N, C-alpha and C. Protein backbone atom coordinates (compact mmCIF):
# COMPACT_ATOMS: atom_id res chain seq x y z
N UNK A 1 141.84 156.58 90.80
CA UNK A 1 142.05 155.35 90.04
C UNK A 1 140.81 154.46 90.18
N UNK A 2 140.40 153.87 89.08
CA UNK A 2 139.20 153.04 89.09
C UNK A 2 139.50 151.68 89.72
N UNK A 3 138.55 151.19 90.47
CA UNK A 3 138.66 149.85 91.01
C UNK A 3 138.45 148.84 89.88
N UNK A 4 138.86 147.62 90.12
CA UNK A 4 138.75 146.58 89.09
C UNK A 4 137.29 146.35 88.69
N UNK A 5 136.40 146.30 89.67
CA UNK A 5 134.98 146.06 89.37
C UNK A 5 134.41 147.19 88.54
N UNK A 6 134.82 148.42 88.82
CA UNK A 6 134.34 149.55 88.04
C UNK A 6 134.90 149.51 86.63
N UNK A 7 136.15 149.07 86.50
CA UNK A 7 136.75 148.96 85.18
C UNK A 7 136.04 147.89 84.36
N UNK A 8 135.66 146.80 84.99
CA UNK A 8 134.97 145.74 84.27
C UNK A 8 133.56 146.16 83.91
N UNK A 9 132.98 147.08 84.69
CA UNK A 9 131.62 147.52 84.41
C UNK A 9 131.58 148.45 83.20
N UNK A 10 132.69 149.10 82.89
CA UNK A 10 132.71 149.99 81.74
C UNK A 10 132.67 149.16 80.45
N UNK A 11 131.98 149.70 79.44
CA UNK A 11 131.90 149.02 78.16
C UNK A 11 133.06 149.48 77.28
N UNK A 12 133.79 148.53 76.69
CA UNK A 12 134.99 148.86 75.93
C UNK A 12 134.81 148.71 74.43
N UNK A 13 133.70 148.21 74.00
CA UNK A 13 133.50 148.05 72.56
C UNK A 13 132.09 147.60 72.27
N UNK A 14 131.75 147.49 70.99
CA UNK A 14 130.38 147.09 70.63
C UNK A 14 130.03 145.69 71.12
N UNK A 15 131.00 144.80 71.11
CA UNK A 15 130.74 143.44 71.60
C UNK A 15 130.40 143.45 73.09
N UNK A 16 131.01 144.37 73.84
CA UNK A 16 130.71 144.49 75.26
C UNK A 16 129.28 144.99 75.46
N UNK A 17 128.85 145.92 74.61
CA UNK A 17 127.49 146.44 74.73
C UNK A 17 126.47 145.34 74.44
N UNK A 18 126.73 144.54 73.40
CA UNK A 18 125.83 143.43 73.08
C UNK A 18 125.76 142.42 74.22
N UNK A 19 126.91 142.14 74.78
CA UNK A 19 126.95 141.18 75.88
C UNK A 19 126.21 141.73 77.10
N UNK A 20 126.35 143.05 77.35
CA UNK A 20 125.67 143.65 78.49
C UNK A 20 124.15 143.63 78.30
N UNK A 21 123.68 143.89 77.08
CA UNK A 21 122.23 143.85 76.85
C UNK A 21 121.72 142.41 76.94
N UNK A 22 122.48 141.46 76.46
CA UNK A 22 122.07 140.06 76.56
C UNK A 22 122.01 139.64 78.02
N UNK A 23 122.98 140.10 78.81
CA UNK A 23 122.99 139.77 80.24
C UNK A 23 121.78 140.37 80.94
N UNK A 24 121.40 141.58 80.55
CA UNK A 24 120.22 142.22 81.13
C UNK A 24 118.95 141.46 80.78
N UNK A 25 118.82 141.04 79.52
CA UNK A 25 117.65 140.25 79.13
C UNK A 25 117.60 138.94 79.90
N UNK A 26 118.76 138.34 80.09
CA UNK A 26 118.83 137.07 80.83
C UNK A 26 118.40 137.26 82.28
N UNK A 27 118.87 138.35 82.89
CA UNK A 27 118.47 138.63 84.28
C UNK A 27 116.98 138.90 84.40
N UNK A 28 116.40 139.61 83.45
CA UNK A 28 114.96 139.86 83.48
C UNK A 28 114.18 138.57 83.28
N UNK A 29 114.69 137.69 82.42
CA UNK A 29 114.01 136.41 82.19
C UNK A 29 114.05 135.57 83.46
N UNK A 30 115.18 135.57 84.15
CA UNK A 30 115.27 134.83 85.40
C UNK A 30 114.30 135.41 86.41
N UNK A 31 114.21 136.72 86.47
CA UNK A 31 113.29 137.36 87.40
C UNK A 31 111.85 136.91 87.14
N UNK A 32 111.42 136.97 85.88
CA UNK A 32 110.01 136.67 85.57
C UNK A 32 109.71 135.18 85.56
N UNK A 33 110.67 134.35 85.20
CA UNK A 33 110.38 132.92 85.07
C UNK A 33 110.76 132.11 86.30
N UNK A 34 111.63 132.63 87.15
CA UNK A 34 112.07 131.86 88.32
C UNK A 34 111.78 132.57 89.62
N UNK A 35 112.27 133.79 89.76
CA UNK A 35 112.19 134.48 91.05
C UNK A 35 110.76 134.81 91.46
N UNK A 36 110.00 135.40 90.56
CA UNK A 36 108.63 135.80 90.92
C UNK A 36 107.74 134.59 91.19
N UNK A 37 107.71 133.55 90.36
CA UNK A 37 106.90 132.37 90.70
C UNK A 37 107.33 131.71 92.00
N UNK A 38 108.63 131.69 92.28
CA UNK A 38 109.12 131.12 93.53
C UNK A 38 108.63 131.94 94.72
N UNK A 39 108.68 133.25 94.60
CA UNK A 39 108.21 134.11 95.68
C UNK A 39 106.71 133.93 95.91
N UNK A 40 105.91 133.89 94.83
CA UNK A 40 104.47 133.66 94.97
C UNK A 40 104.19 132.31 95.61
N UNK A 41 104.95 131.28 95.21
CA UNK A 41 104.76 129.96 95.79
C UNK A 41 105.07 129.93 97.27
N UNK A 42 106.16 130.60 97.67
CA UNK A 42 106.52 130.63 99.09
C UNK A 42 105.50 131.42 99.90
N UNK A 43 105.06 132.55 99.37
CA UNK A 43 104.04 133.34 100.07
C UNK A 43 102.75 132.55 100.18
N UNK A 44 102.33 131.88 99.09
CA UNK A 44 101.13 131.05 99.13
C UNK A 44 101.25 129.92 100.12
N UNK A 45 102.41 129.29 100.18
CA UNK A 45 102.63 128.21 101.14
C UNK A 45 102.57 128.73 102.57
N UNK A 46 103.17 129.88 102.81
CA UNK A 46 103.14 130.47 104.15
C UNK A 46 101.71 130.82 104.55
N UNK A 47 100.93 131.37 103.63
CA UNK A 47 99.54 131.71 103.92
C UNK A 47 98.74 130.45 104.20
N UNK A 48 98.94 129.41 103.40
CA UNK A 48 98.18 128.16 103.59
C UNK A 48 98.53 127.52 104.93
N UNK A 49 99.80 127.51 105.29
CA UNK A 49 100.21 126.92 106.56
C UNK A 49 99.65 127.72 107.72
N UNK A 50 99.72 129.04 107.63
CA UNK A 50 99.20 129.86 108.74
C UNK A 50 97.69 129.69 108.87
N UNK A 51 96.95 129.59 107.77
CA UNK A 51 95.50 129.36 107.85
C UNK A 51 95.19 128.00 108.45
N UNK A 52 95.96 126.99 108.08
CA UNK A 52 95.73 125.66 108.63
C UNK A 52 96.06 125.59 110.11
N UNK A 53 97.14 126.27 110.51
CA UNK A 53 97.52 126.27 111.93
C UNK A 53 96.48 127.03 112.74
N UNK A 54 95.99 128.16 112.23
CA UNK A 54 94.97 128.94 112.95
C UNK A 54 93.66 128.17 113.07
N UNK A 55 93.37 127.38 112.06
CA UNK A 55 92.14 126.61 112.09
C UNK A 55 92.24 125.38 112.99
N UNK A 56 93.43 125.11 113.49
CA UNK A 56 93.61 123.98 114.40
C UNK A 56 93.68 122.65 113.67
N UNK A 57 94.00 122.68 112.39
CA UNK A 57 94.08 121.44 111.62
C UNK A 57 95.46 120.84 111.81
N UNK A 58 95.52 119.58 112.14
CA UNK A 58 96.77 118.86 112.27
C UNK A 58 97.37 118.98 113.65
N UNK A 59 98.20 118.01 113.95
CA UNK A 59 98.89 118.00 115.23
C UNK A 59 100.36 118.31 114.98
N UNK A 60 101.11 118.41 116.04
CA UNK A 60 102.55 118.67 115.91
C UNK A 60 103.23 117.51 115.19
N UNK A 61 102.79 116.31 115.45
CA UNK A 61 103.37 115.14 114.81
C UNK A 61 103.09 115.15 113.30
N UNK A 62 101.89 115.55 112.93
CA UNK A 62 101.55 115.60 111.50
C UNK A 62 102.39 116.65 110.78
N UNK A 63 102.57 117.82 111.42
CA UNK A 63 103.39 118.85 110.80
C UNK A 63 104.85 118.43 110.75
N UNK A 64 105.31 117.69 111.75
CA UNK A 64 106.68 117.19 111.72
C UNK A 64 106.86 116.19 110.58
N UNK A 65 105.83 115.37 110.34
CA UNK A 65 105.90 114.43 109.22
C UNK A 65 105.94 115.17 107.88
N UNK A 66 105.17 116.22 107.76
CA UNK A 66 105.18 117.02 106.53
C UNK A 66 106.56 117.66 106.33
N UNK A 67 107.13 118.21 107.40
CA UNK A 67 108.44 118.84 107.31
C UNK A 67 109.51 117.81 106.95
N UNK A 68 109.40 116.61 107.54
CA UNK A 68 110.37 115.55 107.23
C UNK A 68 110.26 115.15 105.77
N UNK A 69 109.06 115.05 105.27
CA UNK A 69 108.87 114.73 103.84
C UNK A 69 109.48 115.81 102.97
N UNK A 70 109.30 117.06 103.37
CA UNK A 70 109.87 118.16 102.60
C UNK A 70 111.40 118.13 102.63
N UNK A 71 111.97 117.62 103.71
CA UNK A 71 113.43 117.52 103.78
C UNK A 71 113.96 116.29 103.04
N UNK A 72 113.20 115.21 103.03
CA UNK A 72 113.66 113.98 102.40
C UNK A 72 113.54 114.05 100.88
N UNK A 73 112.53 114.74 100.38
CA UNK A 73 112.27 114.77 98.95
C UNK A 73 113.47 115.27 98.13
N UNK A 74 114.13 116.38 98.48
CA UNK A 74 115.30 116.80 97.68
C UNK A 74 116.43 115.77 97.71
N UNK A 75 116.66 115.16 98.86
CA UNK A 75 117.70 114.13 98.93
C UNK A 75 117.35 112.94 98.04
N UNK A 76 116.08 112.56 98.04
CA UNK A 76 115.63 111.46 97.19
C UNK A 76 115.82 111.80 95.71
N UNK A 77 115.47 113.03 95.34
CA UNK A 77 115.61 113.43 93.94
C UNK A 77 117.08 113.47 93.53
N UNK A 78 117.95 113.96 94.41
CA UNK A 78 119.38 113.96 94.10
C UNK A 78 119.91 112.53 93.97
N UNK A 79 119.46 111.66 94.86
CA UNK A 79 119.87 110.26 94.76
C UNK A 79 119.37 109.62 93.49
N UNK A 80 118.16 109.95 93.08
CA UNK A 80 117.61 109.41 91.84
C UNK A 80 118.39 109.93 90.64
N UNK A 81 118.77 111.21 90.66
CA UNK A 81 119.58 111.77 89.58
C UNK A 81 120.95 111.09 89.54
N UNK A 82 121.56 110.87 90.71
CA UNK A 82 122.84 110.16 90.75
C UNK A 82 122.72 108.75 90.22
N UNK A 83 121.63 108.08 90.54
CA UNK A 83 121.40 106.73 90.04
C UNK A 83 121.25 106.73 88.52
N UNK A 84 120.55 107.75 87.99
CA UNK A 84 120.39 107.85 86.54
C UNK A 84 121.74 108.08 85.86
N UNK A 85 122.59 108.92 86.44
CA UNK A 85 123.91 109.16 85.88
C UNK A 85 124.73 107.88 85.92
N UNK A 86 124.69 107.17 87.04
CA UNK A 86 125.45 105.93 87.16
C UNK A 86 124.95 104.88 86.17
N UNK A 87 123.65 104.78 86.01
CA UNK A 87 123.09 103.81 85.05
C UNK A 87 123.51 104.16 83.63
N UNK A 88 123.52 105.45 83.29
CA UNK A 88 123.95 105.84 81.95
C UNK A 88 125.42 105.55 81.74
N UNK A 89 126.25 105.73 82.76
CA UNK A 89 127.67 105.39 82.63
C UNK A 89 127.87 103.90 82.43
N UNK A 90 127.10 103.08 83.14
CA UNK A 90 127.19 101.63 82.96
C UNK A 90 126.77 101.25 81.54
N UNK A 91 125.70 101.87 81.05
CA UNK A 91 125.23 101.59 79.69
C UNK A 91 126.31 101.97 78.67
N UNK A 92 126.92 103.15 78.84
CA UNK A 92 127.97 103.58 77.91
C UNK A 92 129.18 102.66 77.98
N UNK A 93 129.54 102.21 79.18
CA UNK A 93 130.67 101.28 79.31
C UNK A 93 130.36 99.96 78.61
N UNK A 94 129.13 99.48 78.73
CA UNK A 94 128.75 98.25 78.05
C UNK A 94 128.82 98.43 76.54
N UNK A 95 128.36 99.58 76.04
CA UNK A 95 128.43 99.84 74.60
C UNK A 95 129.88 99.89 74.12
N UNK A 96 130.73 100.54 74.88
CA UNK A 96 132.14 100.65 74.49
C UNK A 96 132.79 99.27 74.52
N UNK A 97 132.47 98.46 75.52
CA UNK A 97 133.06 97.13 75.59
C UNK A 97 132.56 96.23 74.46
N UNK A 98 131.33 96.44 74.00
CA UNK A 98 130.84 95.68 72.85
C UNK A 98 131.52 96.15 71.57
N UNK A 99 131.82 97.44 71.48
CA UNK A 99 132.41 98.03 70.29
C UNK A 99 133.90 97.74 70.19
N UNK A 100 134.55 97.63 71.34
CA UNK A 100 136.01 97.56 71.39
C UNK A 100 136.61 96.33 70.72
N UNK A 101 136.14 95.10 70.94
CA UNK A 101 136.81 93.94 70.33
C UNK A 101 136.87 94.00 68.82
N UNK A 102 135.82 94.42 68.17
CA UNK A 102 135.85 94.50 66.70
C UNK A 102 136.84 95.52 66.21
N UNK A 103 136.95 96.62 66.91
CA UNK A 103 137.88 97.67 66.49
C UNK A 103 139.32 97.33 66.86
N UNK A 104 139.52 96.52 67.86
CA UNK A 104 140.89 96.24 68.30
C UNK A 104 141.47 94.98 67.67
N UNK A 105 140.72 94.23 66.87
CA UNK A 105 141.23 93.00 66.26
C UNK A 105 142.44 93.26 65.36
N UNK A 106 142.43 94.25 64.49
CA UNK A 106 143.63 94.49 63.67
C UNK A 106 144.85 94.88 64.51
N UNK A 107 144.61 95.62 65.56
CA UNK A 107 145.73 96.01 66.44
C UNK A 107 146.27 94.77 67.14
N UNK A 108 145.39 93.89 67.60
CA UNK A 108 145.82 92.67 68.27
C UNK A 108 146.62 91.79 67.31
N UNK A 109 146.20 91.71 66.04
CA UNK A 109 146.94 90.90 65.06
C UNK A 109 148.34 91.45 64.85
N UNK A 110 148.44 92.77 64.73
CA UNK A 110 149.78 93.37 64.56
C UNK A 110 150.65 93.15 65.79
N UNK A 111 150.06 93.30 66.97
CA UNK A 111 150.84 93.07 68.19
C UNK A 111 151.29 91.62 68.30
N UNK A 112 150.44 90.69 67.85
CA UNK A 112 150.82 89.28 67.87
C UNK A 112 152.01 89.03 66.94
N UNK A 113 152.00 89.65 65.74
CA UNK A 113 153.13 89.51 64.82
C UNK A 113 154.40 90.11 65.42
N UNK A 114 154.29 91.27 66.03
CA UNK A 114 155.45 91.90 66.67
C UNK A 114 155.98 91.00 67.78
N UNK A 115 155.08 90.42 68.56
CA UNK A 115 155.49 89.52 69.63
C UNK A 115 156.22 88.31 69.09
N UNK A 116 155.70 87.74 67.99
CA UNK A 116 156.34 86.56 67.40
C UNK A 116 157.74 86.89 66.89
N UNK A 117 157.88 88.03 66.22
CA UNK A 117 159.19 88.45 65.73
C UNK A 117 160.14 88.72 66.89
N UNK A 118 159.64 89.34 67.95
CA UNK A 118 160.49 89.64 69.11
C UNK A 118 160.94 88.35 69.79
N UNK A 119 160.04 87.35 69.89
CA UNK A 119 160.46 86.07 70.50
C UNK A 119 161.51 85.37 69.64
N UNK A 120 161.31 85.35 68.32
CA UNK A 120 162.27 84.72 67.43
C UNK A 120 163.62 85.42 67.52
N UNK A 121 163.61 86.76 67.53
CA UNK A 121 164.86 87.51 67.64
C UNK A 121 165.55 87.30 68.97
N UNK A 122 164.77 87.22 70.07
CA UNK A 122 165.40 87.02 71.38
C UNK A 122 166.02 85.62 71.48
N UNK A 123 165.38 84.62 70.84
CA UNK A 123 165.98 83.28 70.85
C UNK A 123 167.31 83.26 70.09
N UNK A 124 167.35 83.92 68.92
CA UNK A 124 168.59 83.97 68.14
C UNK A 124 169.67 84.74 68.89
N UNK A 125 169.30 85.84 69.51
CA UNK A 125 170.26 86.63 70.28
C UNK A 125 170.78 85.85 71.48
N UNK A 126 169.88 85.14 72.14
CA UNK A 126 170.31 84.33 73.28
C UNK A 126 171.27 83.24 72.83
N UNK A 127 171.00 82.63 71.67
CA UNK A 127 171.91 81.58 71.17
C UNK A 127 173.28 82.17 70.86
N UNK A 128 173.32 83.35 70.27
CA UNK A 128 174.60 83.99 69.95
C UNK A 128 175.34 84.36 71.23
N UNK A 129 174.64 84.83 72.25
CA UNK A 129 175.31 85.24 73.49
C UNK A 129 175.69 84.05 74.36
N UNK A 130 174.91 83.00 74.34
CA UNK A 130 175.16 81.86 75.22
C UNK A 130 176.18 80.89 74.63
N UNK A 131 176.26 80.76 73.30
CA UNK A 131 177.15 79.78 72.66
C UNK A 131 178.62 79.97 73.07
N UNK A 132 179.19 81.15 73.01
CA UNK A 132 180.61 81.29 73.43
C UNK A 132 180.80 80.97 74.91
N UNK A 133 179.84 81.39 75.71
CA UNK A 133 179.94 81.10 77.14
C UNK A 133 179.87 79.60 77.38
N UNK A 134 178.98 78.91 76.69
CA UNK A 134 178.86 77.47 76.84
C UNK A 134 180.10 76.76 76.33
N UNK A 135 180.65 77.22 75.24
CA UNK A 135 181.87 76.61 74.70
C UNK A 135 183.03 76.80 75.66
N UNK A 136 183.12 78.00 76.24
CA UNK A 136 184.18 78.26 77.22
C UNK A 136 184.02 77.39 78.45
N UNK A 137 182.82 77.20 78.94
CA UNK A 137 182.58 76.36 80.11
C UNK A 137 182.92 74.91 79.80
N UNK A 138 182.56 74.46 78.60
CA UNK A 138 182.89 73.08 78.21
C UNK A 138 184.38 72.88 78.11
N UNK A 139 185.10 73.85 77.53
CA UNK A 139 186.55 73.77 77.42
C UNK A 139 187.21 73.77 78.79
N UNK A 140 186.70 74.61 79.69
CA UNK A 140 187.24 74.67 81.05
C UNK A 140 187.02 73.34 81.77
N UNK A 141 185.86 72.75 81.61
CA UNK A 141 185.59 71.45 82.23
C UNK A 141 186.49 70.37 81.65
N UNK A 142 186.73 70.44 80.36
CA UNK A 142 187.62 69.44 79.72
C UNK A 142 189.03 69.60 80.24
N UNK A 143 189.50 70.84 80.39
CA UNK A 143 190.86 71.07 80.90
C UNK A 143 190.98 70.61 82.35
N UNK A 144 189.95 70.84 83.13
CA UNK A 144 189.96 70.37 84.51
C UNK A 144 190.03 68.84 84.56
N UNK A 145 189.31 68.23 83.66
CA UNK A 145 189.32 66.78 83.59
C UNK A 145 190.68 66.23 83.22
N UNK A 146 191.37 66.90 82.29
CA UNK A 146 192.71 66.46 81.91
C UNK A 146 193.72 66.66 83.02
N UNK A 147 193.58 67.73 83.75
CA UNK A 147 194.50 67.99 84.88
C UNK A 147 194.29 66.96 85.96
N UNK A 148 193.05 66.58 86.15
CA UNK A 148 192.76 65.63 87.22
C UNK A 148 193.25 64.24 86.92
N UNK A 149 193.51 63.83 85.68
CA UNK A 149 193.94 62.48 85.31
C UNK A 149 195.42 62.29 85.51
N UNK A 150 196.17 63.28 85.51
CA UNK A 150 197.64 63.13 85.63
C UNK A 150 198.02 62.62 86.93
């Protein structure tokens, strides 16, 4: 029985073959444009450092400063990228807040009309519900008053 990885490696149709060739081209492009230049750069850096150390150039403190700079630089760049993202979000929020009042004015007008109708209806409903209760309380108070006079 074939393992899952082996089953996925098999090509099942023409679209799979096209995708496999595109993936191969992509991997070769990564090799030539990223991996090989990175390897040459690292080898060149190692050769330069070893030549400088053999020549007695620099002290331990100087090399520690260079290493610290090499460690701080990626963190600085990530922080700068985060700051750029945050600044763009603030800019977009400002644009949306400038755009929003003009677009929401018709909605606000409709909501104001609905609110006015709801207040008017609640006042009428309250009057209908409270009037019998108030009349009953007044009648009860009047009856109490008549009983108390006898």
